[in-house]
């Protein structure tokens, strides 16, 4: 549902979807398609994205009282991106989507 009805922002490595959360706290999820990669590569990328979500995205959303669901779908180029680049892109995309006043709690 979030993929069809949520707001979307796109970068060269990630697609980020957000929508107002139906509960009292923000949530973060990931989709890491195969894109022809091995399971080891997929798991590493998934762990990286989840760590950014846990340490950066969710605390920022909580401080801003932005109660949204955030879903991150990786694109093929994300597999080769450095951690800091993924982090910067994800923070920028989430900030852009959450700056919309309709997402405030």
Protein backbone atom coordinates (compact mmCIF):
# COMPACT_ATOMS: atom_id res chain seq x y z
CA UNK A 1 0.00 0.00 0.00
CA UNK A 2 2.81 2.41 0.84
CA UNK A 3 4.32 1.83 -2.60
CA UNK A 4 1.10 2.86 -4.35
CA UNK A 5 -0.19 5.66 -2.14
CA UNK A 6 2.87 7.13 -0.41
CA UNK A 7 4.91 10.15 -1.40
CA UNK A 8 8.05 9.15 -3.30
CA UNK A 9 11.50 10.61 -3.74
CA UNK A 10 14.19 9.07 -5.92
CA UNK A 11 17.97 9.27 -6.14
CA UNK A 12 20.51 7.36 -8.16
CA UNK A 13 20.74 4.68 -5.45
CA UNK A 14 17.40 4.69 -3.59
CA UNK A 15 13.65 5.14 -3.84
CA UNK A 16 12.10 6.39 -0.59
CA UNK A 17 8.37 6.21 0.10
CA UNK A 18 6.62 7.88 3.04
CA UNK A 19 3.05 8.01 4.27
CA UNK A 20 1.36 9.05 7.50
CA UNK A 21 1.63 6.23 10.02
CA UNK A 22 -1.58 4.68 11.37
CA UNK A 23 -0.01 4.38 14.83
CA UNK A 24 1.84 6.55 17.36
CA UNK A 25 5.46 6.13 16.19
CA UNK A 26 7.45 6.19 12.95
CA UNK A 27 8.47 2.92 11.30
CA UNK A 28 11.26 2.10 8.84
CA UNK A 29 11.44 -0.73 6.32
CA UNK A 30 13.63 -1.81 3.42
CA UNK A 31 13.22 -3.61 0.12
CA UNK A 32 16.44 -4.91 -1.41
CA UNK A 33 15.76 -6.58 -4.78
CA UNK A 34 18.25 -9.10 -6.14
CA UNK A 35 19.30 -7.08 -9.19
CA UNK A 36 21.42 -10.10 -10.16
CA UNK A 37 23.52 -9.98 -6.98
CA UNK A 38 24.47 -12.71 -4.53
CA UNK A 39 22.67 -13.13 -1.21
CA UNK A 40 25.79 -11.96 0.66
CA UNK A 41 25.67 -8.64 -1.21
CA UNK A 42 21.93 -8.25 -0.60
CA UNK A 43 22.29 -8.91 3.11
CA UNK A 44 25.15 -6.40 3.42
CA UNK A 45 23.12 -3.70 1.68
CA UNK A 46 20.05 -4.52 3.79
CA UNK A 47 22.10 -4.27 7.00
CA UNK A 48 23.53 -0.92 5.91
CA UNK A 49 20.12 0.55 5.16
CA UNK A 50 18.60 -0.76 8.38
CA UNK A 51 21.46 0.68 10.40
CA UNK A 52 20.98 4.10 8.82
CA UNK A 53 17.28 3.85 9.58
CA UNK A 54 17.83 2.79 13.19
CA UNK A 55 20.58 5.27 14.05
CA UNK A 56 19.64 8.28 11.92
CA UNK A 57 16.17 8.29 10.38
CA UNK A 58 13.94 7.06 13.22
CA UNK A 59 15.52 9.30 15.91
CA UNK A 60 15.22 12.37 13.65
CA UNK A 61 11.59 11.61 12.87
CA UNK A 62 10.85 11.12 16.56
CA UNK A 63 12.46 14.44 17.53
CA UNK A 64 10.47 16.26 14.86
CA UNK A 65 7.30 14.42 15.82
CA UNK A 66 6.98 13.33 12.21
CA UNK A 67 4.92 10.15 12.57
CA UNK A 68 5.36 8.44 9.20
CA UNK A 69 6.15 5.08 7.75
CA UNK A 70 9.33 5.15 5.66
CA UNK A 71 10.06 2.45 3.08
CA UNK A 72 13.38 2.38 1.25
CA UNK A 73 13.80 0.39 -1.96
CA UNK A 74 17.33 0.01 -3.24
CA UNK A 75 18.18 0.50 -6.88
CA UNK A 76 20.90 -1.51 -8.69
CA UNK A 77 23.61 1.14 -8.16
CA UNK A 78 23.12 1.02 -4.37
CA UNK A 79 25.14 -2.20 -4.18
CA UNK A 80 28.32 -0.34 -5.16
CA UNK A 81 27.71 2.85 -3.15
CA UNK A 82 29.81 3.65 -0.07
CA UNK A 83 27.99 3.70 3.28
CA UNK A 84 28.42 7.48 3.71
CA UNK A 85 26.89 8.15 0.29
CA UNK A 86 23.87 5.95 1.07
CA UNK A 87 23.49 7.68 4.43
CA UNK A 88 23.60 11.18 2.92
CA UNK A 89 21.10 10.28 0.18
CA UNK A 90 18.69 8.63 2.58
CA UNK A 91 18.80 11.55 5.01
CA UNK A 92 18.26 14.07 2.21
CA UNK A 93 15.37 12.16 0.64
CA UNK A 94 13.63 11.54 3.96
CA UNK A 95 13.99 15.19 5.00
CA UNK A 96 12.50 16.31 1.68
CA UNK A 97 9.51 14.00 2.01
CA UNK A 98 8.92 14.74 5.70
CA UNK A 99 9.12 18.49 5.28
CA UNK A 100 5.57 18.30 3.94
CA UNK A 101 3.35 19.66 6.76
CA UNK A 102 0.71 16.97 6.21
CA UNK A 103 3.09 14.37 7.71
CA UNK A 104 3.51 16.16 11.04
CA UNK A 105 1.98 14.47 14.04
